[in-house]
Amino acid sequence: MLLSALQAGWLSSLLSRTGSTAWSLPALKTRDKGTISKTQQIITHLRKQKYNADYDLSATQGADTLAFVSLLEEKLLPVLIHTFWVDAKNYVEHTRKWYAETVPFPLNFFLPNCMHKRHVERLQLLWGDGYMEDEEKLEKELYRDARECLTLLSQRLGSQKFFFGDSPASLDALVFSRLAPLLKAKLPNGKLQQHLKSLQNLCNYCTSILSLYFPWDGGDPPAGAPRPVGAEGGEAEEEPHKRRNQLLSVVVGLAAMLAYAFLSGIVSIQRGSAGPAARQPIAMEEEEEEEEE
């Protein structure tokens, strides 16, 4: 119990110090409210800042948005969680490996397993007690519903550039956030991925958004891309803080490992006696030397 509390406190401390947002995604870092990590709170915050992608939508289009959002959350999201976090082959060979290589030390040793456990518990809450009784049957039903959801999205999109014409709306952002990882990830077990790849207009849709809004595909921006004013100075100022955070992470990691070693009994401290018994072997050696003389 004490060890679990130590580990939880340690992870929380490291996350706050390193500024990591991997524990809760999506995340938006703001100047006045810190980091916002819930989707609806992010949308509400952006709308207050006059960023509203649904401003020009009609009432019918707004109703369609709500219907498709509900469909995605109910039919597609649970299967995506299962695909990336519960399927043993995908989790071990892709998801855990990716997080372990991306998340800074020492979080990469603990964070993927914590997230895995949290997602498994989430699916158990969504699927109920039947999840443990007949997992194989339930999995088939859920994957069938997810394939139907993708087919409906494909039919609704048709040959359009976005779901409501030539401009993206909040539905486009949500659909892209669900489909792009599934399309681009190199999954060893890609049952749902294969169905998505068979829907050519959805594949073209994701590829088009990537080329429009992520032209460098997550890498370094092109040489001609504009850089924020004072970016170089900001990097120089952040370097000492970055090193300090890394040092703190290592120190806290070592402290946690030592605490675990002491609590589990792997390491113990024994005090040697300084009494007569401890000096007895020396006295015996002196006696032997006298006898020899």
C-alpha atoms as a PDB file:
ATOM      1  CA  MET A   1       0.000   0.000   0.000  1.00  0.00           C
ATOM      2  CA  LEU A   2       2.769   2.392   0.970  1.00  0.00           C
ATOM      3  CA  LEU A   3       4.740   1.455  -2.148  1.00  0.00           C
ATOM      4  CA  SER A   4       1.720   2.137  -4.389  1.00  0.00           C
ATOM      5  CA  ALA A   5       1.273   5.533  -2.763  1.00  0.00           C
ATOM      6  CA  LEU A   6       4.970   6.312  -3.250  1.00  0.00           C
ATOM      7  CA  GLN A   7       4.825   5.335  -6.925  1.00  0.00           C
ATOM      8  CA  ALA A   8       1.635   7.350  -7.515  1.00  0.00           C
ATOM      9  CA  GLY A   9       3.117  10.410  -5.831  1.00  0.00           C
ATOM     10  CA  TRP A  10       6.358   9.983  -7.724  1.00  0.00           C
ATOM     11  CA  LEU A  11       4.602   9.794 -11.114  1.00  0.00           C
ATOM     12  CA  SER A  12       2.459  12.814 -10.278  1.00  0.00           C
ATOM     13  CA  SER A  13       5.542  14.778  -9.210  1.00  0.00           C
ATOM     14  CA  LEU A  14       7.466  13.870 -12.347  1.00  0.00           C
ATOM     15  CA  LEU A  15       4.561  14.722 -14.630  1.00  0.00           C
ATOM     16  CA  SER A  16       4.135  18.127 -13.054  1.00  0.00           C
ATOM     17  CA  ARG A  17       7.857  18.881 -13.231  1.00  0.00           C
ATOM     18  CA  THR A  18       8.483  17.667 -16.757  1.00  0.00           C
ATOM     19  CA  GLY A  19       5.289  19.182 -18.118  1.00  0.00           C
ATOM     20  CA  SER A  20       4.371  15.883 -19.741  1.00  0.00           C
ATOM     21  CA  THR A  21       0.882  15.674 -21.266  1.00  0.00           C
ATOM     22  CA  ALA A  22       1.162  12.024 -22.248  1.00  0.00           C
ATOM     23  CA  TRP A  23      -0.810  10.984 -19.161  1.00  0.00           C
ATOM     24  CA  SER A  24      -3.970  12.691 -20.377  1.00  0.00           C
ATOM     25  CA  LEU A  25      -4.624  13.427 -24.042  1.00  0.00           C
ATOM     26  CA  PRO A  26      -5.781  15.599 -25.725  1.00  0.00           C
ATOM     27  CA  ALA A  27      -4.182  18.509 -23.870  1.00  0.00           C
ATOM     28  CA  LEU A  28      -4.093  22.248 -24.542  1.00  0.00           C
ATOM     29  CA  LYS A  29      -1.554  24.454 -22.770  1.00  0.00           C
ATOM     30  CA  THR A  30      -2.925  27.952 -22.142  1.00  0.00           C
ATOM     31  CA  ARG A  31      -1.497  31.073 -20.531  1.00  0.00           C
ATOM     32  CA  ASP A  32      -4.320  31.825 -18.115  1.00  0.00           C
ATOM     33  CA  LYS A  33      -5.765  28.387 -17.211  1.00  0.00           C
ATOM     34  CA  GLY A  34      -2.713  26.158 -17.419  1.00  0.00           C
ATOM     35  CA  THR A  35      -3.155  22.841 -19.213  1.00  0.00           C
ATOM     36  CA  ILE A  36      -6.679  21.753 -20.181  1.00  0.00           C
ATOM     37  CA  SER A  37      -6.954  18.016 -20.793  1.00  0.00           C
ATOM     38  CA  LYS A  38     -10.641  17.321 -21.436  1.00  0.00           C
ATOM     39  CA  THR A  39     -12.030  17.556 -24.951  1.00  0.00           C
ATOM     40  CA  GLN A  40     -15.187  19.483 -24.105  1.00  0.00           C
ATOM     41  CA  GLN A  41     -13.290  21.926 -21.882  1.00  0.00           C
ATOM     42  CA  ILE A  42     -10.815  22.562 -24.711  1.00  0.00           C
ATOM     43  CA  ILE A  43     -13.647  23.236 -27.180  1.00  0.00           C
ATOM     44  CA  THR A  44     -15.394  25.551 -24.700  1.00  0.00           C
ATOM     45  CA  HIS A  45     -12.163  27.461 -24.060  1.00  0.00           C
ATOM     46  CA  LEU A  46     -11.486  27.909 -27.774  1.00  0.00           C
ATOM     47  CA  ARG A  47     -15.028  29.121 -28.405  1.00  0.00           C
ATOM     48  CA  LYS A  48     -14.609  31.736 -25.684  1.00  0.00           C
ATOM     49  CA  GLN A  49     -11.498  32.881 -27.567  1.00  0.00           C
ATOM     50  CA  LYS A  50     -13.681  33.298 -30.719  1.00  0.00           C
ATOM     51  CA  TYR A  51     -12.399  30.091 -32.351  1.00  0.00           C
ATOM     52  CA  ASN A  52     -15.534  28.245 -33.410  1.00  0.00           C
ATOM     53  CA  ALA A  53     -15.301  25.872 -36.368  1.00  0.00           C
ATOM     54  CA  ASP A  54     -19.097  25.322 -36.311  1.00  0.00           C
ATOM     55  CA  TYR A  55     -20.058  28.979 -36.544  1.00  0.00           C
ATOM     56  CA  ASP A  56     -21.387  28.732 -40.119  1.00  0.00           C
ATOM     57  CA  LEU A  57     -23.211  25.404 -39.714  1.00  0.00           C
ATOM     58  CA  SER A  58     -26.974  25.219 -40.081  1.00  0.00           C
ATOM     59  CA  ALA A  59     -29.246  23.706 -37.422  1.00  0.00           C
ATOM     60  CA  THR A  60     -29.464  20.464 -39.432  1.00  0.00           C
ATOM     61  CA  GLN A  61     -25.690  20.244 -39.752  1.00  0.00           C
ATOM     62  CA  GLY A  62     -25.355  20.904 -36.027  1.00  0.00           C
ATOM     63  CA  ALA A  63     -27.742  18.033 -35.315  1.00  0.00           C
ATOM     64  CA  ASP A  64     -25.758  15.769 -37.673  1.00  0.00           C
ATOM     65  CA  THR A  65     -22.589  16.697 -35.808  1.00  0.00           C
ATOM     66  CA  LEU A  66     -24.067  15.653 -32.461  1.00  0.00           C
ATOM     67  CA  ALA A  67     -25.357  12.390 -33.945  1.00  0.00           C
ATOM     68  CA  PHE A  68     -22.011  11.420 -35.469  1.00  0.00           C
ATOM     69  CA  VAL A  69     -20.078  12.425 -32.348  1.00  0.00           C
ATOM     70  CA  SER A  70     -22.325  10.134 -30.305  1.00  0.00           C
ATOM     71  CA  LEU A  71     -21.856   7.338 -32.867  1.00  0.00           C
ATOM     72  CA  LEU A  72     -18.077   7.681 -32.753  1.00  0.00           C
ATOM     73  CA  GLU A  73     -17.937   7.671 -28.958  1.00  0.00           C
ATOM     74  CA  GLU A  74     -20.272   4.698 -28.616  1.00  0.00           C
ATOM     75  CA  LYS A  75     -19.261   2.431 -31.521  1.00  0.00           C
ATOM     76  CA  LEU A  76     -15.740   3.358 -32.606  1.00  0.00           C
ATOM     77  CA  LEU A  77     -13.814   4.653 -29.580  1.00  0.00           C
ATOM     78  CA  PRO A  78     -14.092   1.456 -27.443  1.00  0.00           C
ATOM     79  CA  VAL A  79     -12.749  -0.641 -30.328  1.00  0.00           C
ATOM     80  CA  LEU A  80      -9.877   1.801 -30.912  1.00  0.00           C
ATOM     81  CA  ILE A  81      -8.956   1.512 -27.228  1.00  0.00           C
ATOM     82  CA  HIS A  82      -9.089  -2.271 -27.536  1.00  0.00           C
ATOM     83  CA  THR A  83      -6.995  -2.205 -30.723  1.00  0.00           C
ATOM     84  CA  PHE A  84      -4.176  -0.090 -29.295  1.00  0.00           C
ATOM     85  CA  TRP A  85      -4.226  -0.930 -25.574  1.00  0.00           C
ATOM     86  CA  VAL A  86      -5.872  -4.299 -24.929  1.00  0.00           C
ATOM     87  CA  ASP A  87      -4.940  -6.431 -27.935  1.00  0.00           C
ATOM     88  CA  ALA A  88      -1.789  -8.088 -26.592  1.00  0.00           C
ATOM     89  CA  LYS A  89       0.151  -8.160 -29.870  1.00  0.00           C
ATOM     90  CA  ASN A  90      -0.596  -4.534 -30.784  1.00  0.00           C
ATOM     91  CA  TYR A  91       0.113  -3.281 -27.257  1.00  0.00           C
ATOM     92  CA  VAL A  92       3.453  -5.041 -26.828  1.00  0.00           C
ATOM     93  CA  GLU A  93       4.853  -4.562 -30.341  1.00  0.00           C
ATOM     94  CA  HIS A  94       3.495  -1.097 -31.129  1.00  0.00           C
ATOM     95  CA  THR A  95       1.819   0.977 -28.390  1.00  0.00           C
ATOM     96  CA  ARG A  96       4.074   0.238 -25.421  1.00  0.00           C
ATOM     97  CA  LYS A  97       7.166   0.362 -27.617  1.00  0.00           C
ATOM     98  CA  TRP A  98       6.188   3.750 -29.067  1.00  0.00           C
ATOM     99  CA  TYR A  99       5.513   5.315 -25.654  1.00  0.00           C
ATOM    100  CA  ALA A 100       8.701   3.803 -24.203  1.00  0.00           C
ATOM    101  CA  GLU A 101      10.754   5.407 -26.984  1.00  0.00           C
ATOM    102  CA  THR A 102       8.953   8.767 -26.858  1.00  0.00           C
ATOM    103  CA  VAL A 103       8.318   9.462 -23.166  1.00  0.00           C
ATOM    104  CA  PRO A 104      11.393  10.753 -21.265  1.00  0.00           C
ATOM    105  CA  PHE A 105      13.259   8.641 -18.709  1.00  0.00           C
ATOM    106  CA  PRO A 106      12.238   7.391 -16.159  1.00  0.00           C
ATOM    107  CA  LEU A 107       8.562   7.797 -17.035  1.00  0.00           C
ATOM    108  CA  ASN A 108       8.963   5.433 -20.003  1.00  0.00           C
ATOM    109  CA  PHE A 109       9.361   2.520 -17.552  1.00  0.00           C
ATOM    110  CA  PHE A 110       6.081   3.157 -15.722  1.00  0.00           C
ATOM    111  CA  LEU A 111       3.730   5.321 -17.769  1.00  0.00           C
ATOM    112  CA  PRO A 112       2.782   2.837 -20.569  1.00  0.00           C
ATOM    113  CA  ASN A 113       1.753   0.173 -18.030  1.00  0.00           C
ATOM    114  CA  CYS A 114      -0.243   2.715 -15.999  1.00  0.00           C
ATOM    115  CA  MET A 115      -2.072   3.867 -19.124  1.00  0.00           C
ATOM    116  CA  HIS A 116      -2.661   0.257 -20.177  1.00  0.00           C
ATOM    117  CA  LYS A 117      -4.270  -0.535 -16.818  1.00  0.00           C
ATOM    118  CA  ARG A 118      -6.428   2.593 -16.960  1.00  0.00           C
ATOM    119  CA  HIS A 119      -7.722   1.760 -20.466  1.00  0.00           C
ATOM    120  CA  VAL A 120      -8.523  -1.836 -19.496  1.00  0.00           C
ATOM    121  CA  GLU A 121     -10.542  -0.565 -16.519  1.00  0.00           C
ATOM    122  CA  ARG A 122     -12.297   1.918 -18.794  1.00  0.00           C
ATOM    123  CA  LEU A 123     -13.350  -0.828 -21.200  1.00  0.00           C
ATOM    124  CA  GLN A 124     -14.620  -2.951 -18.329  1.00  0.00           C
ATOM    125  CA  LEU A 125     -16.821  -0.050 -17.244  1.00  0.00           C
ATOM    126  CA  LEU A 126     -18.084   0.482 -20.816  1.00  0.00           C
ATOM    127  CA  TRP A 127     -18.726  -3.172 -21.612  1.00  0.00           C
ATOM    128  CA  GLY A 128     -19.978  -4.273 -18.208  1.00  0.00           C
ATOM    129  CA  ASP A 129     -19.677  -7.691 -16.580  1.00  0.00           C
ATOM    130  CA  GLY A 130     -20.125  -9.454 -19.936  1.00  0.00           C
ATOM    131  CA  TYR A 131     -16.609  -8.395 -20.928  1.00  0.00           C
ATOM    132  CA  MET A 132     -15.004 -11.060 -18.740  1.00  0.00           C
ATOM    133  CA  GLU A 133     -17.621 -13.775 -19.355  1.00  0.00           C
ATOM    134  CA  ASP A 134     -17.365 -14.131 -23.142  1.00  0.00           C
ATOM    135  CA  GLU A 135     -14.660 -11.763 -24.374  1.00  0.00           C
ATOM    136  CA  GLU A 136     -14.290 -13.354 -27.812  1.00  0.00           C
ATOM    137  CA  LYS A 137     -17.998 -13.093 -28.670  1.00  0.00           C
ATOM    138  CA  LEU A 138     -18.245  -9.516 -27.403  1.00  0.00           C
ATOM    139  CA  GLU A 139     -15.118  -8.549 -29.340  1.00  0.00           C
ATOM    140  CA  LYS A 140     -16.623  -9.826 -32.597  1.00  0.00           C
ATOM    141  CA  GLU A 141     -19.809  -7.821 -32.022  1.00  0.00           C
ATOM    142  CA  LEU A 142     -17.906  -4.655 -31.173  1.00  0.00           C
ATOM    143  CA  TYR A 143     -15.616  -4.913 -34.184  1.00  0.00           C
ATOM    144  CA  ARG A 144     -18.650  -5.469 -36.395  1.00  0.00           C
ATOM    145  CA  ASP A 145     -20.276  -2.287 -35.008  1.00  0.00           C
ATOM    146  CA  ALA A 146     -17.017  -0.371 -35.549  1.00  0.00           C
ATOM    147  CA  ARG A 147     -16.836  -1.480 -39.186  1.00  0.00           C
ATOM    148  CA  GLU A 148     -20.425  -0.355 -39.694  1.00  0.00           C
ATOM    149  CA  CYS A 149     -19.540   3.015 -38.123  1.00  0.00           C
ATOM    150  CA  LEU A 150     -16.644   3.485 -40.554  1.00  0.00           C
ATOM    151  CA  THR A 151     -18.893   2.561 -43.474  1.00  0.00           C
ATOM    152  CA  LEU A 152     -21.483   5.154 -42.376  1.00  0.00           C
ATOM    153  CA  LEU A 153     -18.773   7.805 -42.156  1.00  0.00           C
ATOM    154  CA  SER A 154     -17.601   6.894 -45.641  1.00  0.00           C
ATOM    155  CA  GLN A 155     -21.134   7.174 -47.026  1.00  0.00           C
ATOM    156  CA  ARG A 156     -21.732  10.529 -45.287  1.00  0.00           C
ATOM    157  CA  LEU A 157     -18.454  11.986 -46.557  1.00  0.00           C
ATOM    158  CA  GLY A 158     -18.958  10.828 -50.147  1.00  0.00           C
ATOM    159  CA  SER A 159     -16.768  12.790 -52.549  1.00  0.00           C
ATOM    160  CA  GLN A 160     -16.657  15.955 -50.412  1.00  0.00           C
ATOM    161  CA  LYS A 161     -13.416  17.427 -49.128  1.00  0.00           C
ATOM    162  CA  PHE A 162     -14.852  17.771 -45.606  1.00  0.00           C
ATOM    163  CA  PHE A 163     -18.075  16.565 -44.026  1.00  0.00           C
ATOM    164  CA  PHE A 164     -19.864  19.892 -44.506  1.00  0.00           C
ATOM    165  CA  GLY A 165     -18.293  21.207 -47.675  1.00  0.00           C
ATOM    166  CA  ASP A 166     -14.964  22.892 -48.354  1.00  0.00           C
ATOM    167  CA  SER A 167     -14.212  24.047 -44.784  1.00  0.00           C
ATOM    168  CA  PRO A 168     -13.402  21.820 -41.788  1.00  0.00           C
ATOM    169  CA  ALA A 169     -15.715  21.738 -38.776  1.00  0.00           C
ATOM    170  CA  SER A 170     -15.410  20.208 -35.305  1.00  0.00           C
ATOM    171  CA  LEU A 171     -16.698  16.889 -36.667  1.00  0.00           C
ATOM    172  CA  ASP A 172     -13.766  16.774 -39.093  1.00  0.00           C
ATOM    173  CA  ALA A 173     -11.326  17.319 -36.233  1.00  0.00           C
ATOM    174  CA  LEU A 174     -12.890  14.501 -34.212  1.00  0.00           C
ATOM    175  CA  VAL A 175     -13.103  12.047 -37.110  1.00  0.00           C
ATOM    176  CA  PHE A 176      -9.524  12.761 -38.173  1.00  0.00           C
ATOM    177  CA  SER A 177      -8.237  12.300 -34.607  1.00  0.00           C
ATOM    178  CA  ARG A 178      -9.840   8.839 -34.545  1.00  0.00           C
ATOM    179  CA  LEU A 179      -8.961   7.660 -38.047  1.00  0.00           C
ATOM    180  CA  ALA A 180      -5.445   9.013 -38.672  1.00  0.00           C
ATOM    181  CA  PRO A 181      -3.693   6.984 -35.916  1.00  0.00           C
ATOM    182  CA  LEU A 182      -5.539   3.850 -37.034  1.00  0.00           C
ATOM    183  CA  LEU A 183      -4.584   4.464 -40.653  1.00  0.00           C
ATOM    184  CA  LYS A 184      -0.914   5.317 -40.079  1.00  0.00           C
ATOM    185  CA  ALA A 185       0.044   3.003 -37.207  1.00  0.00           C
ATOM    186  CA  LYS A 186       2.031  -0.127 -38.095  1.00  0.00           C
ATOM    187  CA  LEU A 187      -0.151  -2.600 -36.238  1.00  0.00           C
ATOM    188  CA  PRO A 188       0.733  -6.312 -36.282  1.00  0.00           C
ATOM    189  CA  ASN A 189      -2.956  -7.122 -35.731  1.00  0.00           C
ATOM    190  CA  GLY A 190      -4.914  -4.715 -37.934  1.00  0.00           C
ATOM    191  CA  LYS A 191      -8.422  -6.139 -38.293  1.00  0.00           C
ATOM    192  CA  LEU A 192     -10.150  -2.745 -38.150  1.00  0.00           C
ATOM    193  CA  GLN A 193      -7.276  -1.076 -39.966  1.00  0.00           C
ATOM    194  CA  GLN A 194      -7.799  -3.270 -43.024  1.00  0.00           C
ATOM    195  CA  HIS A 195     -11.452  -2.250 -43.231  1.00  0.00           C
ATOM    196  CA  LEU A 196     -10.519   1.426 -43.024  1.00  0.00           C
ATOM    197  CA  LYS A 197      -7.977   1.005 -45.833  1.00  0.00           C
ATOM    198  CA  SER A 198     -10.707  -0.497 -48.018  1.00  0.00           C
ATOM    199  CA  LEU A 199     -12.714   2.775 -47.735  1.00  0.00           C
ATOM    200  CA  GLN A 200     -10.734   4.869 -50.196  1.00  0.00           C
ATOM    201  CA  ASN A 201     -12.496   8.185 -49.599  1.00  0.00           C
ATOM    202  CA  LEU A 202     -11.731   8.066 -45.852  1.00  0.00           C
ATOM    203  CA  CYS A 203      -8.087   7.275 -46.603  1.00  0.00           C
ATOM    204  CA  ASN A 204      -7.900  10.189 -49.047  1.00  0.00           C
ATOM    205  CA  TYR A 205      -9.640  12.370 -46.460  1.00  0.00           C
ATOM    206  CA  CYS A 206      -6.964  11.652 -43.814  1.00  0.00           C
ATOM    207  CA  THR A 207      -4.133  12.056 -46.324  1.00  0.00           C
ATOM    208  CA  SER A 208      -5.526  15.402 -47.486  1.00  0.00           C
ATOM    209  CA  ILE A 209      -5.763  16.772 -43.929  1.00  0.00           C
ATOM    210  CA  LEU A 210      -2.227  15.595 -43.193  1.00  0.00           C
ATOM    211  CA  SER A 211      -0.863  17.363 -46.277  1.00  0.00           C
ATOM    212  CA  LEU A 212      -2.835  20.555 -45.550  1.00  0.00           C
ATOM    213  CA  TYR A 213      -2.277  20.968 -41.812  1.00  0.00           C
ATOM    214  CA  PHE A 214       0.680  18.662 -41.042  1.00  0.00           C
ATOM    215  CA  PRO A 215       2.901  19.008 -44.123  1.00  0.00           C
ATOM    216  CA  TRP A 216       6.034  17.797 -42.308  1.00  0.00           C
ATOM    217  CA  ASP A 217       4.141  14.784 -40.868  1.00  0.00           C
ATOM    218  CA  GLY A 218       5.085  15.489 -37.275  1.00  0.00           C
ATOM    219  CA  GLY A 219       8.784  16.086 -37.945  1.00  0.00           C
ATOM    220  CA  ASP A 220      10.732  19.324 -38.179  1.00  0.00           C
ATOM    221  CA  PRO A 221       8.955  22.136 -40.065  1.00  0.00           C
ATOM    222  CA  PRO A 222      10.174  22.914 -43.562  1.00  0.00           C
ATOM    223  CA  ALA A 223      13.018  25.418 -43.917  1.00  0.00           C
ATOM    224  CA  GLY A 224      10.676  28.050 -45.349  1.00  0.00           C
ATOM    225  CA  ALA A 225       8.092  27.729 -42.581  1.00  0.00           C
ATOM    226  CA  PRO A 226       7.702  30.839 -40.408  1.00  0.00           C
ATOM    227  CA  ARG A 227       9.262  30.600 -36.945  1.00  0.00           C
ATOM    228  CA  PRO A 228       7.852  32.382 -33.885  1.00  0.00           C
ATOM    229  CA  VAL A 229       9.614  35.595 -32.907  1.00  0.00           C
ATOM    230  CA  GLY A 230      12.265  34.932 -30.284  1.00  0.00           C
ATOM    231  CA  ALA A 231      12.115  31.184 -30.823  1.00  0.00           C
ATOM    232  CA  GLU A 232      15.899  30.782 -30.673  1.00  0.00           C
ATOM    233  CA  GLY A 233      16.129  32.871 -27.521  1.00  0.00           C
ATOM    234  CA  GLY A 234      13.299  30.857 -25.981  1.00  0.00           C
ATOM    235  CA  GLU A 235      15.164  27.621 -26.653  1.00  0.00           C
ATOM    236  CA  ALA A 236      18.298  29.036 -25.032  1.00  0.00           C
ATOM    237  CA  GLU A 237      16.314  30.128 -21.976  1.00  0.00           C
ATOM    238  CA  GLU A 238      14.567  26.757 -21.673  1.00  0.00           C
ATOM    239  CA  GLU A 239      17.809  24.733 -21.868  1.00  0.00           C
ATOM    240  CA  PRO A 240      18.802  25.177 -18.170  1.00  0.00           C
ATOM    241  CA  HIS A 241      15.243  24.307 -17.088  1.00  0.00           C
ATOM    242  CA  LYS A 242      15.286  21.260 -19.313  1.00  0.00           C
ATOM    243  CA  ARG A 243      18.535  20.027 -17.774  1.00  0.00           C
ATOM    244  CA  ARG A 244      17.241  20.737 -14.287  1.00  0.00           C
ATOM    245  CA  ASN A 245      14.066  18.736 -14.973  1.00  0.00           C
ATOM    246  CA  GLN A 246      16.096  15.843 -16.343  1.00  0.00           C
ATOM    247  CA  LEU A 247      18.333  15.870 -13.255  1.00  0.00           C
ATOM    248  CA  LEU A 248      15.324  15.983 -10.942  1.00  0.00           C
ATOM    249  CA  SER A 249      13.777  13.055 -12.813  1.00  0.00           C
ATOM    250  CA  VAL A 250      16.914  10.960 -12.346  1.00  0.00           C
ATOM    251  CA  VAL A 251      17.214  11.859  -8.644  1.00  0.00           C
ATOM    252  CA  VAL A 252      13.554  11.093  -7.932  1.00  0.00           C
ATOM    253  CA  GLY A 253      13.829   7.860  -9.919  1.00  0.00           C
ATOM    254  CA  LEU A 254      16.819   6.700  -7.893  1.00  0.00           C
ATOM    255  CA  ALA A 255      15.060   7.643  -4.652  1.00  0.00           C
ATOM    256  CA  ALA A 256      11.976   5.661  -5.652  1.00  0.00           C
ATOM    257  CA  MET A 257      14.045   2.608  -6.581  1.00  0.00           C
ATOM    258  CA  LEU A 258      15.917   2.767  -3.246  1.00  0.00           C
ATOM    259  CA  ALA A 259      12.614   3.120  -1.363  1.00  0.00           C
ATOM    260  CA  TYR A 260      11.259   0.086  -3.206  1.00  0.00           C
ATOM    261  CA  ALA A 261      14.408  -1.898  -2.408  1.00  0.00           C
ATOM    262  CA  PHE A 262      14.195  -1.118   1.320  1.00  0.00           C
ATOM    263  CA  LEU A 263      10.434  -1.713   1.568  1.00  0.00           C
ATOM    264  CA  SER A 264      10.579  -5.017  -0.285  1.00  0.00           C
ATOM    265  CA  GLY A 265      13.524  -6.278   1.774  1.00  0.00           C
ATOM    266  CA  ILE A 266      15.919  -6.546  -1.179  1.00  0.00           C
ATOM    267  CA  VAL A 267      18.350  -4.247   0.623  1.00  0.00           C
ATOM    268  CA  SER A 268      18.796  -4.103   4.400  1.00  0.00           C
ATOM    269  CA  ILE A 269      21.226  -2.398   6.751  1.00  0.00           C
ATOM    270  CA  GLN A 270      22.923  -4.469   9.423  1.00  0.00           C
ATOM    271  CA  ARG A 271      24.926  -2.820  12.175  1.00  0.00           C
ATOM    272  CA  GLY A 272      28.140  -4.616  13.155  1.00  0.00           C
ATOM    273  CA  SER A 273      28.936  -5.111  16.852  1.00  0.00           C
ATOM    274  CA  ALA A 274      31.957  -3.283  18.255  1.00  0.00           C
ATOM    275  CA  GLY A 275      31.954  -5.296  21.565  1.00  0.00           C
ATOM    276  CA  PRO A 276      34.360  -7.923  22.837  1.00  0.00           C
ATOM    277  CA  ALA A 277      32.939 -10.584  20.516  1.00  0.00           C
ATOM    278  CA  ALA A 278      34.015  -8.547  17.525  1.00  0.00           C
ATOM    279  CA  ARG A 279      37.569  -8.332  18.841  1.00  0.00           C
ATOM    280  CA  GLN A 280      37.807 -11.970  19.818  1.00  0.00           C
ATOM    281  CA  PRO A 281      39.424 -13.283  16.575  1.00  0.00           C
ATOM    282  CA  ILE A 282      42.235 -10.715  16.937  1.00  0.00           C
ATOM    283  CA  ALA A 283      42.895 -11.790  20.535  1.00  0.00           C
ATOM    284  CA  MET A 284      43.089 -15.432  19.463  1.00  0.00           C
ATOM    285  CA  GLU A 285      45.617 -14.552  16.769  1.00  0.00           C
ATOM    286  CA  GLU A 286      47.780 -12.755  19.359  1.00  0.00           C
ATOM    287  CA  GLU A 287      47.687 -15.792  21.672  1.00  0.00           C
ATOM    288  CA  GLU A 288      48.749 -18.096  18.818  1.00  0.00           C
ATOM    289  CA  GLU A 289      51.682 -15.820  18.003  1.00  0.00           C
ATOM    290  CA  GLU A 290      52.819 -15.907  21.679  1.00  0.00           C
ATOM    291  CA  GLU A 291      52.667 -19.711  21.752  1.00  0.00           C
ATOM    292  CA  GLU A 292      54.781 -19.964  18.611  1.00  0.00           C
ATOM    293  CA  GLU A 293      57.426 -17.731  20.166  1.00  0.00           C
END
